[in-house]
Amino acid sequence: MARDSDVGADSDRDQIAEWSAGDFGLARTIEALLFVADRALSATEISEVTGASESDVREALSRLSAHYRTRGVVLLEHRNAFRLVSAPDLADYCRRLLGLDQRRQPSRAALETLGIVAYRGRATRAEIERVRGVDSDSALATLLSRNLIREAGRLDAPGRPAVFTTTDTFLAYFGLTSLDELPELDLKFVADDLDRKLTND
């Protein structure tokens, strides 16, 4: 005859098995995929590999994000793509281990340009210069060389102007895990805010 304690233990094992096969199991699978991937993975890609629905993938990603929030590795989201990166606030220690020089703070012009691209999502050289009122070739070159922005295609317009967008390196550089964490600011205040983030880190 089964004792109450045995029944309780069986019930616990069943719950653990169900949990492992459900959301927790999917989160572990996604964690492994992100760990071995050499690039950011979209929710769609993860869904195709795991066979889970995109809504289930997003729920599992949310669990992972909460799990990593206070750890040395964080889940970074950039334009619907995800990857595991070292926590931005620990960057100095990581650079020290790897023997990398401390990066110089971007110029005011570069910060203004970066702020415009970040808050608009996508911007051409002409749009950036219209906001800033000055030539932005040097600032764009600096940001591209540091992988803080990238070319994300070209407009179907005369001259086929390049469209620039931020990268996930931008998020890590400024201690963000998602573009949703950008504060609500007018563009003219963006450079000041980015400058404060660099100064305080």
N, C-alpha and C. Protein backbone atom coordinates (compact mmCIF):
# COMPACT_ATOMS: atom_id res chain seq x y z
N MET A 1 0.85 -1.20 0.00
CA MET A 1 0.00 0.00 0.00
C MET A 1 0.89 1.25 0.00
N ALA A 2 0.60 2.15 -0.91
CA ALA A 2 1.43 3.35 -1.04
C ALA A 2 1.17 4.30 0.10
N ARG A 3 2.24 4.82 0.65
CA ARG A 3 2.11 5.81 1.70
C ARG A 3 1.88 7.19 1.08
N ASP A 4 1.31 8.09 1.92
CA ASP A 4 1.06 9.46 1.43
C ASP A 4 2.34 10.12 0.94
N SER A 5 3.46 9.84 1.66
CA SER A 5 4.73 10.45 1.29
C SER A 5 5.19 9.97 -0.08
N ASP A 6 4.89 8.66 -0.38
CA ASP A 6 5.27 8.12 -1.69
C ASP A 6 4.47 8.78 -2.79
N VAL A 7 3.18 8.96 -2.53
CA VAL A 7 2.30 9.60 -3.50
C VAL A 7 2.76 11.03 -3.76
N GLY A 8 3.13 11.70 -2.67
CA GLY A 8 3.61 13.07 -2.80
C GLY A 8 4.88 13.16 -3.61
N ALA A 9 5.79 12.18 -3.37
CA ALA A 9 7.05 12.17 -4.11
C ALA A 9 6.82 11.91 -5.59
N ASP A 10 5.90 10.96 -5.89
CA ASP A 10 5.58 10.68 -7.30
C ASP A 10 5.00 11.92 -7.98
N SER A 11 4.15 12.63 -7.23
CA SER A 11 3.54 13.83 -7.78
C SER A 11 4.58 14.90 -8.07
N ASP A 12 5.54 15.04 -7.14
CA ASP A 12 6.61 16.01 -7.34
C ASP A 12 7.44 15.66 -8.56
N ARG A 13 7.75 14.35 -8.72
CA ARG A 13 8.55 13.92 -9.87
C ARG A 13 7.80 14.19 -11.17
N ASP A 14 6.49 13.94 -11.15
CA ASP A 14 5.68 14.20 -12.34
C ASP A 14 5.70 15.68 -12.70
N GLN A 15 5.61 16.53 -11.68
CA GLN A 15 5.61 17.97 -11.93
C GLN A 15 6.95 18.43 -12.48
N ILE A 16 8.04 17.86 -11.93
CA ILE A 16 9.37 18.21 -12.41
C ILE A 16 9.56 17.76 -13.85
N ALA A 17 9.09 16.56 -14.16
CA ALA A 17 9.20 16.04 -15.53
C ALA A 17 8.40 16.91 -16.50
N GLU A 18 7.21 17.29 -16.07
CA GLU A 18 6.36 18.14 -16.92
C GLU A 18 7.01 19.51 -17.14
N TRP A 19 7.58 20.06 -16.08
CA TRP A 19 8.25 21.37 -16.16
C TRP A 19 9.47 21.29 -17.10
N SER A 20 10.24 20.22 -16.96
CA SER A 20 11.45 20.06 -17.77
C SER A 20 11.11 19.90 -19.24
N ALA A 21 9.99 19.26 -19.51
CA ALA A 21 9.59 19.04 -20.90
C ALA A 21 8.88 20.25 -21.48
N GLY A 22 8.52 21.19 -20.63
CA GLY A 22 7.78 22.36 -21.10
C GLY A 22 8.65 23.58 -21.25
N ASP A 23 8.21 24.69 -20.62
CA ASP A 23 8.90 25.96 -20.78
C ASP A 23 10.37 25.90 -20.36
N PHE A 24 10.61 25.22 -19.24
CA PHE A 24 11.98 25.16 -18.75
C PHE A 24 12.88 24.44 -19.74
N GLY A 25 12.37 23.34 -20.30
CA GLY A 25 13.15 22.59 -21.30
C GLY A 25 13.43 23.43 -22.53
N LEU A 26 12.44 24.20 -22.98
CA LEU A 26 12.62 25.06 -24.15
C LEU A 26 13.63 26.15 -23.85
N ALA A 27 13.56 26.73 -22.65
CA ALA A 27 14.51 27.78 -22.28
C ALA A 27 15.93 27.23 -22.28
N ARG A 28 16.10 26.01 -21.76
CA ARG A 28 17.43 25.38 -21.76
C ARG A 28 17.93 25.15 -23.17
N THR A 29 17.04 24.72 -24.05
CA THR A 29 17.41 24.48 -25.44
C THR A 29 17.85 25.78 -26.11
N ILE A 30 17.08 26.83 -25.89
CA ILE A 30 17.41 28.13 -26.46
C ILE A 30 18.74 28.64 -25.91
N GLU A 31 18.95 28.43 -24.62
CA GLU A 31 20.21 28.85 -23.99
C GLU A 31 21.39 28.17 -24.68
N ALA A 32 21.26 26.88 -24.98
CA ALA A 32 22.33 26.15 -25.66
C ALA A 32 22.55 26.69 -27.07
N LEU A 33 21.48 26.99 -27.78
CA LEU A 33 21.59 27.52 -29.14
C LEU A 33 22.30 28.87 -29.15
N LEU A 34 21.92 29.73 -28.21
CA LEU A 34 22.54 31.05 -28.13
C LEU A 34 24.00 30.95 -27.73
N PHE A 35 24.32 29.94 -26.93
CA PHE A 35 25.70 29.77 -26.46
C PHE A 35 26.62 29.37 -27.61
N VAL A 36 26.15 28.50 -28.49
CA VAL A 36 27.01 28.00 -29.57
C VAL A 36 26.95 28.88 -30.83
N ALA A 37 25.93 29.71 -30.95
CA ALA A 37 25.78 30.54 -32.15
C ALA A 37 26.87 31.60 -32.22
N ASP A 38 27.36 31.87 -33.43
CA ASP A 38 28.38 32.90 -33.62
C ASP A 38 27.76 34.23 -34.04
N ARG A 39 26.44 34.33 -33.88
CA ARG A 39 25.71 35.55 -34.23
C ARG A 39 24.41 35.58 -33.45
N ALA A 40 23.73 36.72 -33.52
CA ALA A 40 22.42 36.82 -32.87
C ALA A 40 21.40 35.97 -33.63
N LEU A 41 20.48 35.37 -32.91
CA LEU A 41 19.44 34.53 -33.51
C LEU A 41 18.09 35.20 -33.35
N SER A 42 17.29 35.18 -34.40
CA SER A 42 15.94 35.74 -34.31
C SER A 42 15.00 34.73 -33.69
N ALA A 43 13.86 35.22 -33.21
CA ALA A 43 12.85 34.32 -32.63
C ALA A 43 12.36 33.34 -33.69
N THR A 44 12.29 33.80 -34.93
CA THR A 44 11.84 32.92 -36.02
C THR A 44 12.83 31.79 -36.25
N GLU A 45 14.13 32.10 -36.25
CA GLU A 45 15.15 31.06 -36.43
C GLU A 45 15.08 30.05 -35.30
N ILE A 46 14.95 30.54 -34.07
CA ILE A 46 14.88 29.64 -32.92
C ILE A 46 13.65 28.75 -33.01
N SER A 47 12.55 29.33 -33.46
CA SER A 47 11.31 28.58 -33.62
C SER A 47 11.48 27.46 -34.66
N GLU A 48 12.16 27.77 -35.77
CA GLU A 48 12.37 26.77 -36.82
C GLU A 48 13.25 25.62 -36.34
N VAL A 49 14.27 25.94 -35.53
CA VAL A 49 15.19 24.91 -35.06
C VAL A 49 14.55 24.04 -33.99
N THR A 50 13.80 24.65 -33.08
CA THR A 50 13.23 23.91 -31.95
C THR A 50 11.87 23.29 -32.25
N GLY A 51 11.18 23.82 -33.25
CA GLY A 51 9.84 23.33 -33.54
C GLY A 51 8.78 23.94 -32.65
N ALA A 52 9.18 24.85 -31.77
CA ALA A 52 8.23 25.52 -30.88
C ALA A 52 7.64 26.74 -31.58
N SER A 53 6.49 27.17 -31.13
CA SER A 53 5.87 28.35 -31.71
C SER A 53 6.66 29.59 -31.31
N GLU A 54 6.54 30.65 -32.10
CA GLU A 54 7.26 31.88 -31.78
C GLU A 54 6.81 32.47 -30.45
N SER A 55 5.54 32.31 -30.13
CA SER A 55 5.05 32.83 -28.85
C SER A 55 5.69 32.07 -27.69
N ASP A 56 5.84 30.74 -27.84
CA ASP A 56 6.50 29.96 -26.79
C ASP A 56 7.98 30.33 -26.70
N VAL A 57 8.60 30.57 -27.86
CA VAL A 57 10.01 30.97 -27.87
C VAL A 57 10.19 32.29 -27.14
N ARG A 58 9.30 33.24 -27.40
CA ARG A 58 9.40 34.55 -26.76
C ARG A 58 9.18 34.44 -25.25
N GLU A 59 8.28 33.58 -24.84
CA GLU A 59 8.05 33.40 -23.41
C GLU A 59 9.28 32.79 -22.75
N ALA A 60 9.90 31.82 -23.42
CA ALA A 60 11.12 31.21 -22.89
C ALA A 60 12.26 32.22 -22.85
N LEU A 61 12.36 33.07 -23.88
CA LEU A 61 13.38 34.10 -23.90
C LEU A 61 13.18 35.09 -22.75
N SER A 62 11.93 35.37 -22.45
CA SER A 62 11.62 36.27 -21.34
C SER A 62 12.09 35.65 -20.02
N ARG A 63 11.91 34.34 -19.87
CA ARG A 63 12.37 33.65 -18.67
C ARG A 63 13.89 33.72 -18.56
N LEU A 64 14.56 33.50 -19.70
CA LEU A 64 16.01 33.56 -19.71
C LEU A 64 16.51 34.96 -19.37
N SER A 65 15.84 35.96 -19.91
CA SER A 65 16.23 37.35 -19.66
C SER A 65 16.14 37.66 -18.17
N ALA A 66 15.06 37.22 -17.53
CA ALA A 66 14.89 37.45 -16.09
C ALA A 66 15.96 36.69 -15.30
N HIS A 67 16.27 35.47 -15.74
CA HIS A 67 17.27 34.66 -15.05
C HIS A 67 18.65 35.31 -15.08
N TYR A 68 18.99 35.90 -16.22
CA TYR A 68 20.33 36.47 -16.40
C TYR A 68 20.45 37.92 -15.97
N ARG A 69 19.36 38.53 -15.54
CA ARG A 69 19.35 39.97 -15.29
C ARG A 69 20.45 40.44 -14.34
N THR A 70 20.79 39.64 -13.34
CA THR A 70 21.79 40.07 -12.35
C THR A 70 23.06 39.22 -12.41
N ARG A 71 23.26 38.54 -13.52
CA ARG A 71 24.42 37.64 -13.62
C ARG A 71 25.51 38.25 -14.49
N GLY A 72 26.62 37.52 -14.63
CA GLY A 72 27.75 38.03 -15.42
C GLY A 72 27.53 37.94 -16.91
N VAL A 73 26.52 37.17 -17.32
CA VAL A 73 26.13 37.07 -18.72
C VAL A 73 24.68 37.55 -18.80
N VAL A 74 24.35 38.30 -19.85
CA VAL A 74 22.99 38.80 -20.01
C VAL A 74 22.46 38.43 -21.39
N LEU A 75 21.14 38.40 -21.50
CA LEU A 75 20.50 38.16 -22.79
C LEU A 75 20.25 39.51 -23.45
N LEU A 76 20.89 39.73 -24.57
CA LEU A 76 20.78 41.00 -25.27
C LEU A 76 19.82 40.84 -26.45
N GLU A 77 18.88 41.78 -26.58
CA GLU A 77 17.92 41.78 -27.69
C GLU A 77 18.13 43.01 -28.54
N HIS A 78 18.28 42.81 -29.84
CA HIS A 78 18.45 43.94 -30.75
C HIS A 78 17.72 43.63 -32.04
N ARG A 79 16.66 44.40 -32.30
CA ARG A 79 15.86 44.27 -33.51
C ARG A 79 15.42 42.82 -33.74
N ASN A 80 14.77 42.27 -32.73
CA ASN A 80 14.18 40.93 -32.80
C ASN A 80 15.22 39.82 -32.96
N ALA A 81 16.45 40.09 -32.56
CA ALA A 81 17.48 39.05 -32.56
C ALA A 81 18.13 39.02 -31.18
N PHE A 82 18.55 37.84 -30.76
CA PHE A 82 19.00 37.64 -29.38
C PHE A 82 20.37 36.96 -29.36
N ARG A 83 21.19 37.33 -28.34
CA ARG A 83 22.44 36.62 -28.11
C ARG A 83 22.86 36.81 -26.66
N LEU A 84 23.69 35.90 -26.20
CA LEU A 84 24.24 36.00 -24.85
C LEU A 84 25.55 36.77 -24.91
N VAL A 85 25.70 37.76 -24.05
CA VAL A 85 26.91 38.57 -24.02
C VAL A 85 27.32 38.79 -22.57
N SER A 86 28.57 39.17 -22.37
CA SER A 86 29.01 39.51 -21.01
C SER A 86 28.28 40.77 -20.56
N ALA A 87 28.00 40.86 -19.28
CA ALA A 87 27.27 42.02 -18.75
C ALA A 87 28.05 43.30 -19.06
N PRO A 88 27.38 44.31 -19.62
CA PRO A 88 28.07 45.55 -20.00
C PRO A 88 28.85 46.21 -18.87
N ASP A 89 28.33 46.12 -17.62
CA ASP A 89 29.01 46.78 -16.52
C ASP A 89 30.30 46.07 -16.11
N LEU A 90 30.55 44.88 -16.70
CA LEU A 90 31.78 44.14 -16.40
C LEU A 90 32.78 44.23 -17.55
N ALA A 91 32.52 45.13 -18.49
CA ALA A 91 33.35 45.23 -19.69
C ALA A 91 34.81 45.51 -19.37
N ASP A 92 35.07 46.35 -18.38
CA ASP A 92 36.46 46.68 -18.03
C ASP A 92 37.25 45.44 -17.63
N TYR A 93 36.62 44.55 -16.85
CA TYR A 93 37.30 43.33 -16.42
C TYR A 93 37.56 42.41 -17.62
N CYS A 94 36.59 42.34 -18.52
CA CYS A 94 36.74 41.48 -19.71
C CYS A 94 37.86 42.01 -20.60
N ARG A 95 37.91 43.35 -20.78
CA ARG A 95 38.98 43.93 -21.59
C ARG A 95 40.34 43.68 -20.95
N ARG A 96 40.39 43.76 -19.62
CA ARG A 96 41.65 43.55 -18.91
C ARG A 96 42.15 42.12 -19.13
N LEU A 97 41.24 41.15 -19.05
CA LEU A 97 41.61 39.75 -19.27
C LEU A 97 42.11 39.53 -20.69
N LEU A 98 41.44 40.16 -21.65
CA LEU A 98 41.79 39.97 -23.06
C LEU A 98 42.93 40.87 -23.52
N GLY A 99 43.39 41.74 -22.63
CA GLY A 99 44.49 42.62 -22.98
C GLY A 99 44.11 43.71 -23.95
N LEU A 100 42.87 44.15 -23.90
CA LEU A 100 42.39 45.18 -24.82
C LEU A 100 42.51 46.55 -24.17
N ASP A 101 42.86 47.55 -24.97
CA ASP A 101 42.94 48.92 -24.48
C ASP A 101 41.54 49.47 -24.23
N GLN A 102 41.44 50.34 -23.24
CA GLN A 102 40.17 51.02 -22.96
C GLN A 102 39.79 51.87 -24.18
N ARG A 103 38.57 51.71 -24.63
CA ARG A 103 38.15 52.47 -25.81
C ARG A 103 37.96 53.95 -25.48
N ARG A 104 38.46 54.78 -26.38
CA ARG A 104 38.26 56.21 -26.19
C ARG A 104 36.79 56.56 -26.36
N GLN A 105 36.34 57.50 -25.58
CA GLN A 105 34.96 57.95 -25.68
C GLN A 105 34.72 58.60 -27.04
N PRO A 106 33.62 58.26 -27.70
CA PRO A 106 33.32 58.88 -29.00
C PRO A 106 33.20 60.39 -28.87
N SER A 107 33.49 61.09 -29.97
CA SER A 107 33.40 62.55 -29.97
C SER A 107 31.95 63.00 -29.83
N ARG A 108 31.78 64.27 -29.53
CA ARG A 108 30.44 64.84 -29.43
C ARG A 108 29.68 64.65 -30.74
N ALA A 109 30.35 64.87 -31.86
CA ALA A 109 29.71 64.72 -33.18
C ALA A 109 29.25 63.28 -33.39
N ALA A 110 30.11 62.32 -32.97
CA ALA A 110 29.75 60.92 -33.13
C ALA A 110 28.57 60.56 -32.23
N LEU A 111 28.55 61.09 -31.00
CA LEU A 111 27.43 60.82 -30.08
C LEU A 111 26.12 61.39 -30.62
N GLU A 112 26.17 62.59 -31.18
CA GLU A 112 24.96 63.19 -31.77
C GLU A 112 24.45 62.32 -32.91
N THR A 113 25.37 61.89 -33.77
CA THR A 113 25.00 61.06 -34.92
C THR A 113 24.43 59.73 -34.45
N LEU A 114 25.08 59.12 -33.47
CA LEU A 114 24.62 57.84 -32.94
C LEU A 114 23.23 57.98 -32.32
N GLY A 115 23.00 59.07 -31.60
CA GLY A 115 21.70 59.30 -30.99
C GLY A 115 20.59 59.40 -32.02
N ILE A 116 20.87 60.08 -33.12
CA ILE A 116 19.87 60.23 -34.17
C ILE A 116 19.52 58.87 -34.77
N VAL A 117 20.55 58.07 -35.06
CA VAL A 117 20.31 56.75 -35.64
C VAL A 117 19.55 55.86 -34.66
N ALA A 118 19.94 55.91 -33.38
CA ALA A 118 19.32 55.05 -32.37
C ALA A 118 17.85 55.38 -32.18
N TYR A 119 17.51 56.66 -32.11
CA TYR A 119 16.13 57.05 -31.82
C TYR A 119 15.24 57.00 -33.04
N ARG A 120 15.81 57.17 -34.21
CA ARG A 120 15.00 57.04 -35.42
C ARG A 120 14.89 55.61 -35.88
N GLY A 121 15.80 54.77 -35.42
CA GLY A 121 15.79 53.37 -35.84
C GLY A 121 16.60 53.16 -37.10
N ARG A 122 16.34 53.98 -38.11
CA ARG A 122 17.06 53.93 -39.38
C ARG A 122 17.20 55.36 -39.89
N ALA A 123 18.34 55.70 -40.44
CA ALA A 123 18.54 57.07 -40.93
C ALA A 123 19.59 57.09 -42.03
N THR A 124 19.40 57.96 -43.02
CA THR A 124 20.39 58.14 -44.07
C THR A 124 21.34 59.27 -43.67
N ARG A 125 22.43 59.39 -44.40
CA ARG A 125 23.38 60.47 -44.14
C ARG A 125 22.69 61.82 -44.25
N ALA A 126 21.85 61.98 -45.28
CA ALA A 126 21.16 63.26 -45.49
C ALA A 126 20.24 63.59 -44.33
N GLU A 127 19.52 62.58 -43.80
CA GLU A 127 18.62 62.81 -42.68
C GLU A 127 19.40 63.20 -41.42
N ILE A 128 20.53 62.55 -41.21
CA ILE A 128 21.37 62.87 -40.05
C ILE A 128 21.88 64.30 -40.15
N GLU A 129 22.36 64.68 -41.33
CA GLU A 129 22.91 66.02 -41.51
C GLU A 129 21.83 67.09 -41.45
N ARG A 130 20.60 66.72 -41.82
CA ARG A 130 19.50 67.68 -41.72
C ARG A 130 19.21 68.00 -40.25
N VAL A 131 19.31 66.99 -39.39
CA VAL A 131 19.08 67.20 -37.97
C VAL A 131 20.25 67.94 -37.33
N ARG A 132 21.47 67.52 -37.65
CA ARG A 132 22.65 68.12 -37.03
C ARG A 132 23.02 69.47 -37.65
N GLY A 133 22.72 69.64 -38.92
CA GLY A 133 23.05 70.90 -39.58
C GLY A 133 24.48 71.00 -40.05
N VAL A 134 25.25 69.90 -39.94
CA VAL A 134 26.65 69.90 -40.38
C VAL A 134 26.98 68.57 -41.06
N ASP A 135 28.11 68.56 -41.75
CA ASP A 135 28.58 67.34 -42.41
C ASP A 135 28.84 66.25 -41.35
N SER A 136 28.45 65.02 -41.67
CA SER A 136 28.58 63.94 -40.69
C SER A 136 29.42 62.78 -41.20
N ASP A 137 30.21 62.99 -42.25
CA ASP A 137 31.03 61.91 -42.82
C ASP A 137 31.98 61.32 -41.79
N SER A 138 32.71 62.17 -41.07
CA SER A 138 33.69 61.70 -40.11
C SER A 138 33.03 60.95 -38.96
N ALA A 139 31.91 61.47 -38.47
CA ALA A 139 31.20 60.82 -37.36
C ALA A 139 30.69 59.45 -37.79
N LEU A 140 30.14 59.35 -38.98
CA LEU A 140 29.64 58.06 -39.48
C LEU A 140 30.78 57.07 -39.64
N ALA A 141 31.92 57.54 -40.15
CA ALA A 141 33.07 56.65 -40.34
C ALA A 141 33.55 56.11 -39.00
N THR A 142 33.57 56.97 -37.98
CA THR A 142 33.98 56.54 -36.64
C THR A 142 33.04 55.49 -36.09
N LEU A 143 31.75 55.72 -36.21
CA LEU A 143 30.75 54.79 -35.67
C LEU A 143 30.78 53.46 -36.41
N LEU A 144 30.98 53.50 -37.73
CA LEU A 144 31.06 52.27 -38.51
C LEU A 144 32.31 51.47 -38.13
N SER A 145 33.42 52.16 -37.92
CA SER A 145 34.67 51.46 -37.57
C SER A 145 34.59 50.80 -36.21
N ARG A 146 33.77 51.36 -35.31
CA ARG A 146 33.60 50.78 -33.98
C ARG A 146 32.44 49.79 -33.92
N ASN A 147 31.80 49.56 -35.06
CA ASN A 147 30.66 48.64 -35.14
C ASN A 147 29.49 49.07 -34.25
N LEU A 148 29.35 50.37 -34.02
CA LEU A 148 28.21 50.88 -33.27
C LEU A 148 27.00 51.08 -34.17
N ILE A 149 27.25 51.28 -35.47
CA ILE A 149 26.19 51.32 -36.47
C ILE A 149 26.63 50.46 -37.64
N ARG A 150 25.68 50.13 -38.50
CA ARG A 150 25.99 49.36 -39.71
C ARG A 150 25.08 49.81 -40.83
N GLU A 151 25.46 49.51 -42.06
CA GLU A 151 24.61 49.81 -43.20
C GLU A 151 23.55 48.74 -43.28
N ALA A 152 22.29 49.15 -43.35
CA ALA A 152 21.17 48.20 -43.35
C ALA A 152 20.40 48.24 -44.66
N GLY A 153 21.09 48.50 -45.74
CA GLY A 153 20.45 48.54 -47.04
C GLY A 153 20.52 49.93 -47.67
N ARG A 154 19.86 50.06 -48.80
CA ARG A 154 19.85 51.34 -49.51
C ARG A 154 18.44 51.68 -49.96
N LEU A 155 18.14 52.97 -49.98
CA LEU A 155 16.82 53.42 -50.39
C LEU A 155 16.68 53.35 -51.90
N ASP A 156 15.48 53.06 -52.35
CA ASP A 156 15.19 53.06 -53.79
C ASP A 156 14.88 54.50 -54.19
N ALA A 157 15.93 55.31 -54.21
CA ALA A 157 15.80 56.75 -54.50
C ALA A 157 17.05 57.17 -55.27
N PRO A 158 17.03 58.36 -55.87
CA PRO A 158 18.20 58.84 -56.61
C PRO A 158 19.47 58.76 -55.77
N GLY A 159 20.51 58.17 -56.34
CA GLY A 159 21.77 58.03 -55.63
C GLY A 159 21.83 56.81 -54.73
N ARG A 160 20.70 56.11 -54.57
CA ARG A 160 20.63 54.93 -53.71
C ARG A 160 21.33 55.15 -52.37
N PRO A 161 20.86 56.14 -51.57
CA PRO A 161 21.54 56.44 -50.30
C PRO A 161 21.49 55.28 -49.32
N ALA A 162 22.61 55.11 -48.59
CA ALA A 162 22.70 54.05 -47.58
C ALA A 162 21.85 54.41 -46.37
N VAL A 163 21.27 53.38 -45.77
CA VAL A 163 20.48 53.53 -44.55
C VAL A 163 21.28 52.91 -43.40
N PHE A 164 21.44 53.67 -42.32
CA PHE A 164 22.22 53.19 -41.18
C PHE A 164 21.32 52.85 -40.01
N THR A 165 21.72 51.82 -39.25
CA THR A 165 21.00 51.42 -38.05
C THR A 165 22.02 51.02 -36.99
N THR A 166 21.58 50.95 -35.74
CA THR A 166 22.49 50.56 -34.66
C THR A 166 22.75 49.06 -34.68
N THR A 167 23.77 48.64 -33.96
CA THR A 167 24.12 47.23 -33.84
C THR A 167 23.93 46.78 -32.39
N ASP A 168 24.05 45.47 -32.16
CA ASP A 168 23.96 45.02 -30.77
C ASP A 168 25.20 45.42 -29.99
N THR A 169 26.29 45.73 -30.68
CA THR A 169 27.48 46.27 -30.00
C THR A 169 27.15 47.61 -29.36
N PHE A 170 26.30 48.39 -30.01
CA PHE A 170 25.85 49.67 -29.46
C PHE A 170 25.18 49.46 -28.10
N LEU A 171 24.32 48.45 -28.02
CA LEU A 171 23.63 48.18 -26.75
C LEU A 171 24.63 47.81 -25.66
N ALA A 172 25.55 46.90 -25.98
CA ALA A 172 26.53 46.46 -25.00
C ALA A 172 27.41 47.62 -24.56
N TYR A 173 27.78 48.49 -25.50
CA TYR A 173 28.66 49.62 -25.21
C TYR A 173 28.04 50.56 -24.20
N PHE A 174 26.73 50.78 -24.31
CA PHE A 174 26.06 51.74 -23.43
C PHE A 174 25.30 51.08 -22.28
N GLY A 175 25.55 49.79 -22.06
CA GLY A 175 24.95 49.11 -20.91
C GLY A 175 23.46 48.87 -21.04
N LEU A 176 22.97 48.64 -22.26
CA LEU A 176 21.56 48.37 -22.49
C LEU A 176 21.40 46.91 -22.92
N THR A 177 20.25 46.33 -22.65
CA THR A 177 19.97 44.98 -23.13
C THR A 177 18.92 44.98 -24.22
N SER A 178 18.29 46.13 -24.45
CA SER A 178 17.27 46.25 -25.49
C SER A 178 17.09 47.72 -25.85
N LEU A 179 16.69 47.97 -27.09
CA LEU A 179 16.41 49.35 -27.51
C LEU A 179 15.23 49.93 -26.73
N ASP A 180 14.42 49.05 -26.14
CA ASP A 180 13.29 49.52 -25.32
C ASP A 180 13.78 50.30 -24.10
N GLU A 181 15.04 50.12 -23.72
CA GLU A 181 15.57 50.80 -22.54
C GLU A 181 16.05 52.22 -22.85
N LEU A 182 16.01 52.61 -24.12
CA LEU A 182 16.38 53.99 -24.45
C LEU A 182 15.36 54.92 -23.80
N PRO A 183 15.81 55.97 -23.12
CA PRO A 183 14.87 56.89 -22.48
C PRO A 183 14.14 57.73 -23.50
N GLU A 184 12.97 58.23 -23.10
CA GLU A 184 12.19 59.11 -23.97
C GLU A 184 12.82 60.49 -23.95
N LEU A 185 13.48 60.85 -25.04
CA LEU A 185 14.17 62.13 -25.10
C LEU A 185 13.97 62.79 -26.45
N ASP A 186 14.05 64.12 -26.47
CA ASP A 186 14.12 64.84 -27.73
C ASP A 186 15.51 64.60 -28.31
N LEU A 187 15.63 64.60 -29.64
CA LEU A 187 16.90 64.33 -30.27
C LEU A 187 18.01 65.27 -29.81
N LYS A 188 17.68 66.51 -29.52
CA LYS A 188 18.72 67.46 -29.15
C LYS A 188 19.34 67.12 -27.79
N PHE A 189 18.67 66.25 -27.00
CA PHE A 189 19.21 65.86 -25.70
C PHE A 189 19.89 64.49 -25.74
N VAL A 190 19.81 63.83 -26.87
CA VAL A 190 20.31 62.46 -26.95
C VAL A 190 21.81 62.38 -26.66
N ALA A 191 22.60 63.24 -27.28
CA ALA A 191 24.05 63.19 -27.09
C ALA A 191 24.41 63.40 -25.62
N ASP A 192 23.70 64.31 -24.94
CA ASP A 192 23.97 64.53 -23.52
C ASP A 192 23.71 63.27 -22.72
N ASP A 193 22.62 62.56 -23.05
CA ASP A 193 22.27 61.35 -22.31
C ASP A 193 23.29 60.25 -22.54
N LEU A 194 23.70 60.03 -23.80
CA LEU A 194 24.70 59.02 -24.09
C LEU A 194 26.03 59.35 -23.42
N ASP A 195 26.35 60.65 -23.42
CA ASP A 195 27.58 61.10 -22.77
C ASP A 195 27.55 60.79 -21.27
N ARG A 196 26.37 60.99 -20.65
CA ARG A 196 26.24 60.70 -19.22
C ARG A 196 26.41 59.21 -18.96
N LYS A 197 25.89 58.37 -19.86
CA LYS A 197 26.02 56.92 -19.68
C LYS A 197 27.49 56.51 -19.69
N LEU A 198 28.24 57.10 -20.61
CA LEU A 198 29.66 56.78 -20.70
C LEU A 198 30.41 57.27 -19.47
N THR A 199 30.07 58.48 -19.03
CA THR A 199 30.75 59.08 -17.89
C THR A 199 30.48 58.31 -16.61
N ASN A 200 29.25 57.82 -16.45
CA ASN A 200 28.87 57.14 -15.21
C ASN A 200 29.33 55.69 -15.15
N ASP A 201 29.61 55.09 -16.32
CA ASP A 201 30.00 53.67 -16.33
C ASP A 201 31.44 53.48 -15.87
